[in-house]
N, C-alpha and C. Protein backbone atom coordinates (compact mmCIF):
# COMPACT_ATOMS: atom_id res chain seq x y z
N UNK A 1 131.57 130.57 119.32
CA UNK A 1 130.61 131.11 118.60
C UNK A 1 129.84 132.08 119.38
N UNK A 2 129.45 133.66 118.94
CA UNK A 2 128.96 134.51 119.89
C UNK A 2 127.70 134.31 120.25
N UNK A 3 127.42 135.06 121.14
CA UNK A 3 125.57 135.12 121.94
C UNK A 3 124.70 135.40 120.43
N UNK A 4 125.12 136.03 119.54
CA UNK A 4 123.92 136.82 118.66
C UNK A 4 123.74 135.20 117.40
N UNK A 5 125.12 133.92 117.22
CA UNK A 5 124.27 133.59 116.78
C UNK A 5 123.99 132.18 117.20
N UNK A 6 124.32 131.58 119.00
CA UNK A 6 123.12 131.07 119.73
C UNK A 6 121.90 131.59 119.28
N UNK A 7 121.41 132.84 119.55
CA UNK A 7 120.48 133.41 119.45
C UNK A 7 119.79 133.59 118.03
N UNK A 8 120.32 133.64 117.28
CA UNK A 8 119.42 133.19 115.97
C UNK A 8 119.38 131.86 115.43
N UNK A 9 120.15 130.78 116.17
CA UNK A 9 120.10 129.41 115.83
C UNK A 9 118.88 128.84 116.72
N UNK A 10 119.08 129.28 118.00
CA UNK A 10 118.08 128.92 118.42
C UNK A 10 116.54 129.49 118.00
N UNK A 11 116.28 130.87 117.76
CA UNK A 11 115.34 131.25 117.21
C UNK A 11 115.00 130.29 115.08
N UNK A 12 115.81 129.58 114.78
CA UNK A 12 115.89 128.91 113.40
C UNK A 12 115.16 127.91 114.65
N UNK A 13 115.64 127.15 115.28
CA UNK A 13 114.71 126.03 115.68
C UNK A 13 113.73 126.04 116.26
N UNK A 14 113.31 126.93 117.23
CA UNK A 14 111.90 127.23 117.65
C UNK A 14 111.14 127.56 116.39
N UNK A 15 111.29 128.26 115.25
CA UNK A 15 110.50 128.29 113.78
C UNK A 15 110.40 127.00 113.47
N UNK A 16 111.45 126.08 113.18
CA UNK A 16 111.48 124.78 112.86
C UNK A 16 110.74 123.90 113.42
N UNK A 17 110.43 123.76 114.84
CA UNK A 17 109.74 123.38 115.83
C UNK A 17 108.03 123.75 115.65
N UNK A 18 107.64 125.06 115.43
CA UNK A 18 106.75 125.30 115.39
C UNK A 18 105.98 124.67 114.11
N UNK A 19 106.81 125.34 113.02
CA UNK A 19 106.39 124.61 111.55
C UNK A 19 106.08 122.97 111.60
N UNK A 20 106.51 121.81 112.28
CA UNK A 20 106.58 121.08 112.58
C UNK A 20 105.43 120.36 112.96
N UNK A 21 104.86 121.27 114.00
CA UNK A 21 104.05 121.50 114.87
C UNK A 21 102.51 121.82 114.56
N UNK A 22 102.64 122.33 113.57
CA UNK A 22 101.71 123.54 112.93
C UNK A 22 101.49 122.20 111.32
N UNK A 23 99.36 121.75 111.64
CA UNK A 23 99.03 121.20 110.33
C UNK A 23 98.84 121.86 109.51
N UNK A 24 100.11 121.91 108.13
CA UNK A 24 99.56 122.70 107.11
C UNK A 24 100.29 122.10 106.00
N UNK A 25 99.64 122.01 104.85
CA UNK A 25 100.61 121.46 103.85
C UNK A 25 99.99 119.63 103.30
N UNK A 26 100.57 119.21 102.76
CA UNK A 26 100.60 117.57 102.42
C UNK A 26 100.58 116.94 103.46
N UNK A 27 102.10 117.17 104.14
CA UNK A 27 101.98 116.22 105.74
C UNK A 27 100.85 116.00 106.62
N UNK A 28 99.75 117.10 106.71
CA UNK A 28 99.06 117.18 107.40
C UNK A 28 97.96 116.42 107.19
N UNK A 29 97.89 116.12 105.71
CA UNK A 29 96.66 115.04 105.50
C UNK A 29 96.49 113.64 106.40
N UNK A 30 95.40 113.51 106.32
CA UNK A 30 95.44 111.75 106.69
C UNK A 30 95.45 111.09 105.69
N UNK A 31 95.92 109.68 106.35
CA UNK A 31 95.86 108.64 105.16
C UNK A 31 95.32 108.41 103.82
N UNK A 32 93.77 109.33 104.26
CA UNK A 32 92.46 108.86 103.22
C UNK A 32 92.53 110.14 102.49
N UNK A 33 93.11 111.23 102.65
CA UNK A 33 92.98 112.42 102.52
C UNK A 33 94.27 112.93 101.16
N UNK A 34 93.17 113.05 99.93
CA UNK A 34 94.16 113.48 98.94
C UNK A 34 94.14 115.51 98.86
N UNK A 35 95.21 116.01 98.69
CA UNK A 35 95.20 117.60 98.03
C UNK A 35 94.45 117.58 97.03
N UNK A 36 93.26 118.73 96.86
CA UNK A 36 92.57 119.23 95.90
C UNK A 36 91.63 118.16 95.58
N UNK A 37 91.48 117.08 96.34
CA UNK A 37 90.25 116.33 95.98
C UNK A 37 89.10 116.15 96.85
N UNK A 38 88.00 115.69 96.63
CA UNK A 38 86.50 115.73 96.95
C UNK A 38 86.41 114.97 97.67
N UNK A 39 86.07 115.17 99.05
CA UNK A 39 85.84 113.72 100.31
C UNK A 39 85.02 113.15 99.56
N UNK A 40 84.52 112.02 99.57
CA UNK A 40 83.62 111.05 99.05
C UNK A 40 83.46 109.54 100.07
N UNK A 41 82.60 109.63 100.46
CA UNK A 41 82.13 108.46 100.89
C UNK A 41 81.64 106.91 100.61
N UNK A 42 82.72 105.19 100.65
CA UNK A 42 83.14 104.23 100.39
C UNK A 42 81.92 103.48 100.34
N UNK A 43 80.79 104.17 101.13
CA UNK A 43 79.71 103.37 100.68
C UNK A 43 78.49 103.82 100.01
N UNK A 44 78.47 105.21 99.94
CA UNK A 44 77.78 105.97 98.82
C UNK A 44 78.29 105.30 97.51
N UNK A 45 79.73 105.17 97.02
CA UNK A 45 80.11 104.71 95.63
C UNK A 45 79.59 103.70 95.74
N UNK A 46 79.67 102.52 97.09
CA UNK A 46 79.64 100.99 96.70
C UNK A 46 78.04 100.62 96.54
N UNK A 47 76.93 101.71 96.40
CA UNK A 47 75.82 101.51 96.64
C UNK A 47 75.41 102.42 95.55
N UNK A 48 75.92 103.40 94.83
CA UNK A 48 75.76 103.87 93.75
C UNK A 48 76.13 103.14 92.19
N UNK A 49 76.97 102.03 92.63
CA UNK A 49 77.79 100.98 91.59
C UNK A 49 76.51 99.94 91.72
N UNK A 50 76.17 99.70 92.86
CA UNK A 50 75.07 98.55 92.72
C UNK A 50 74.07 98.81 92.35
N UNK A 51 73.42 100.17 92.65
CA UNK A 51 72.41 100.59 91.72
C UNK A 51 72.58 100.72 90.49
N UNK A 52 73.58 100.53 89.96
CA UNK A 52 73.89 101.33 88.74
C UNK A 52 73.32 99.69 87.59
N UNK A 53 74.29 98.23 88.61
CA UNK A 53 74.26 97.12 87.72
C UNK A 53 72.99 96.88 87.74
N UNK A 54 72.17 97.18 88.82
CA UNK A 54 70.84 96.72 89.11
C UNK A 54 69.89 97.75 87.65
N UNK A 55 70.67 98.56 87.68
CA UNK A 55 69.55 99.28 86.41
C UNK A 55 69.81 98.83 85.08
N UNK A 56 70.97 98.44 84.56
CA UNK A 56 71.45 97.70 83.70
C UNK A 56 70.96 96.42 83.12
N UNK A 57 70.79 95.65 84.46
CA UNK A 57 70.22 94.69 84.18
C UNK A 57 68.26 94.45 84.41
N UNK A 58 67.85 95.71 84.93
CA UNK A 58 66.69 95.75 84.60
C UNK A 58 66.47 96.24 83.22
N UNK A 59 67.13 97.20 82.52
CA UNK A 59 66.99 97.79 81.21
C UNK A 59 67.07 96.35 80.01
N UNK A 60 67.81 95.30 80.53
CA UNK A 60 68.56 94.35 79.35
C UNK A 60 67.13 93.37 79.85
N UNK A 61 66.91 93.12 80.91
CA UNK A 61 65.46 92.55 80.89
C UNK A 61 64.30 92.95 80.12
N UNK A 62 63.90 94.40 80.50
CA UNK A 62 62.55 95.02 79.80
C UNK A 62 62.86 94.78 78.34
N UNK A 63 64.14 95.17 78.01
CA UNK A 63 64.52 95.13 76.53
C UNK A 63 64.10 94.15 75.92
N UNK A 64 64.73 92.63 76.48
CA UNK A 64 63.95 91.63 75.89
C UNK A 64 63.15 91.33 75.91
N UNK A 65 62.33 91.39 77.30
CA UNK A 65 60.89 91.57 76.85
C UNK A 65 60.00 92.01 75.48
N UNK A 66 60.88 93.22 75.61
CA UNK A 66 60.19 94.29 74.51
C UNK A 66 60.39 93.37 73.29
N UNK A 67 61.60 92.84 73.20
CA UNK A 67 61.80 92.22 71.67
C UNK A 67 60.86 91.08 71.50
N UNK A 68 60.98 90.04 72.69
CA UNK A 68 60.14 89.17 72.55
C UNK A 68 58.81 89.04 72.18
N UNK A 69 58.06 90.51 72.34
CA UNK A 69 56.73 90.79 72.18
C UNK A 69 56.64 91.16 70.92
N UNK A 70 58.05 91.67 69.82
CA UNK A 70 57.36 92.31 68.87
C UNK A 70 57.71 93.30 68.73
N UNK A 71 58.31 94.09 69.16
CA UNK A 71 58.65 95.58 68.42
C UNK A 71 59.90 95.65 67.99
N UNK A 72 59.20 96.48 66.96
CA UNK A 72 59.71 96.68 65.61
C UNK A 72 61.23 97.75 66.25
N UNK A 73 61.35 98.45 66.96
CA UNK A 73 62.08 99.32 67.60
C UNK A 73 64.00 98.95 67.57
N UNK A 74 63.51 97.43 68.67
CA UNK A 74 64.47 96.93 68.93
C UNK A 74 65.44 96.08 67.63
N UNK A 75 66.20 96.02 67.59
CA UNK A 75 67.20 95.00 66.54
C UNK A 75 68.18 94.17 67.46
N UNK A 76 67.95 93.20 66.79
CA UNK A 76 68.91 91.58 67.62
C UNK A 76 70.06 92.51 68.28
N UNK A 77 71.03 93.35 67.72
CA UNK A 77 72.13 93.31 67.49
C UNK A 77 72.12 94.59 69.34
N UNK A 78 71.11 95.12 69.04
CA UNK A 78 71.19 96.25 70.07
C UNK A 78 70.82 95.54 71.41
N UNK A 79 69.75 94.53 71.37
CA UNK A 79 69.78 93.79 72.57
C UNK A 79 70.86 93.07 72.95
N UNK A 80 71.08 92.14 72.06
CA UNK A 80 72.80 91.69 72.54
C UNK A 80 73.60 92.53 73.28
N UNK A 81 73.92 93.99 72.51
CA UNK A 81 74.42 94.48 73.06
C UNK A 81 74.82 95.00 74.11
N UNK A 82 73.07 95.24 74.64
CA UNK A 82 72.87 95.67 76.15
C UNK A 82 72.87 94.61 77.21
N UNK A 83 72.73 93.20 76.69
CA UNK A 83 72.54 91.99 77.57
C UNK A 83 74.19 91.94 78.07
N UNK A 84 74.98 92.16 77.45
CA UNK A 84 76.45 92.10 76.85
C UNK A 84 76.80 92.69 78.28
N UNK A 85 76.50 94.42 77.84
CA UNK A 85 76.88 95.10 79.04
C UNK A 85 76.22 94.92 80.14
N UNK A 86 74.96 94.09 80.69
CA UNK A 86 74.63 93.93 81.98
C UNK A 86 75.63 93.16 82.26
N UNK A 87 75.75 92.10 81.62
CA UNK A 87 76.30 90.42 81.91
C UNK A 87 78.02 90.90 82.83
N UNK A 88 78.95 91.89 81.78
CA UNK A 88 80.24 92.31 82.31
C UNK A 88 80.17 93.41 83.30
N UNK A 89 78.75 94.27 83.42
CA UNK A 89 79.28 95.25 84.67
C UNK A 89 78.47 94.28 86.12
N UNK A 90 77.83 93.23 85.98
CA UNK A 90 77.23 92.00 87.03
C UNK A 90 78.79 91.64 87.19
N UNK A 91 79.88 91.14 86.38
CA UNK A 91 80.69 90.09 86.59
C UNK A 91 81.92 90.69 87.35
N UNK A 92 81.84 92.27 87.16
CA UNK A 92 82.80 93.46 87.66
C UNK A 92 82.61 93.20 88.96
N UNK A 93 81.26 93.91 89.58
CA UNK A 93 80.32 93.91 90.38
C UNK A 93 81.05 92.59 91.37
N UNK A 94 80.76 91.10 91.18
CA UNK A 94 80.86 90.55 91.26
C UNK A 94 82.55 90.02 92.11
N UNK A 95 83.58 90.64 91.39
CA UNK A 95 84.63 90.76 91.25
C UNK A 95 85.48 91.01 92.00
N UNK A 96 84.50 92.62 92.37
CA UNK A 96 85.00 93.48 93.31
C UNK A 96 84.65 92.75 94.64
N UNK A 97 83.27 92.55 94.77
CA UNK A 97 82.63 91.85 96.29
C UNK A 97 83.98 90.79 96.59
N UNK A 98 84.13 90.36 95.76
CA UNK A 98 85.39 88.76 96.06
C UNK A 98 86.05 89.72 97.04
N UNK A 99 86.82 90.58 95.83
CA UNK A 99 88.36 91.29 96.58
C UNK A 99 87.82 91.76 97.78
N UNK A 100 87.01 92.59 98.34
CA UNK A 100 86.78 93.01 99.39
C UNK A 100 86.38 91.88 100.26
N UNK A 101 85.72 90.78 100.26
CA UNK A 101 86.05 89.73 100.80
C UNK A 101 87.22 89.27 101.33
N UNK A 102 87.90 89.00 100.27
CA UNK A 102 89.20 88.83 100.61
C UNK A 102 90.29 89.56 101.64
N UNK A 103 89.86 91.11 101.34
CA UNK A 103 90.50 91.60 101.98
C UNK A 103 90.17 91.54 103.44
N UNK A 104 88.95 91.71 103.78
CA UNK A 104 88.60 91.79 104.79
C UNK A 104 88.82 90.69 105.67
N UNK A 105 88.50 89.28 105.35
CA UNK A 105 89.29 88.19 105.75
C UNK A 105 90.43 88.00 106.28
N UNK A 106 91.23 88.96 105.30
CA UNK A 106 92.86 89.15 105.95
C UNK A 106 93.08 90.14 106.80
N UNK A 107 92.40 91.33 106.90
CA UNK A 107 92.35 91.60 107.79
C UNK A 107 92.46 91.09 109.48
N UNK A 108 90.97 90.22 109.04
CA UNK A 108 90.59 89.80 110.43
C UNK A 108 91.44 88.90 110.70
N UNK A 109 92.40 88.16 109.76
CA UNK A 109 93.25 87.16 110.28
C UNK A 109 94.49 87.88 110.64
N UNK A 110 94.71 89.31 110.49
CA UNK A 110 95.70 89.90 111.00
C UNK A 110 96.29 89.50 112.63
N UNK A 111 97.08 89.21 113.47
CA UNK A 111 97.46 89.24 114.48
C UNK A 111 97.23 90.85 115.27
N UNK A 112 96.89 90.71 116.32
CA UNK A 112 96.81 92.08 117.10
C UNK A 112 97.65 92.49 117.73
């Protein structure tokens, strides 16, 4: 091999090494990052979900009280649908909580 070819190969190797060390592109993202996605906080999502379920439950209870008082603007069908929405959202939240607890327990039981 000539000296020119060796120098070119060395230059290419140095360029590839610099590219490998440079934090650019999707390879540089951490495990939690997705390209083009907004960063979100898990605790904020969890709190918002819990507040949403609480609001649905409170609205359902308020609608039931109004229906019991004889409010003519609320039909039985609307009341039942609203109560079922609150029930389903509570069941979903409970299921998510159970999955989170199971995952936490599995992580805690992992050998270090």
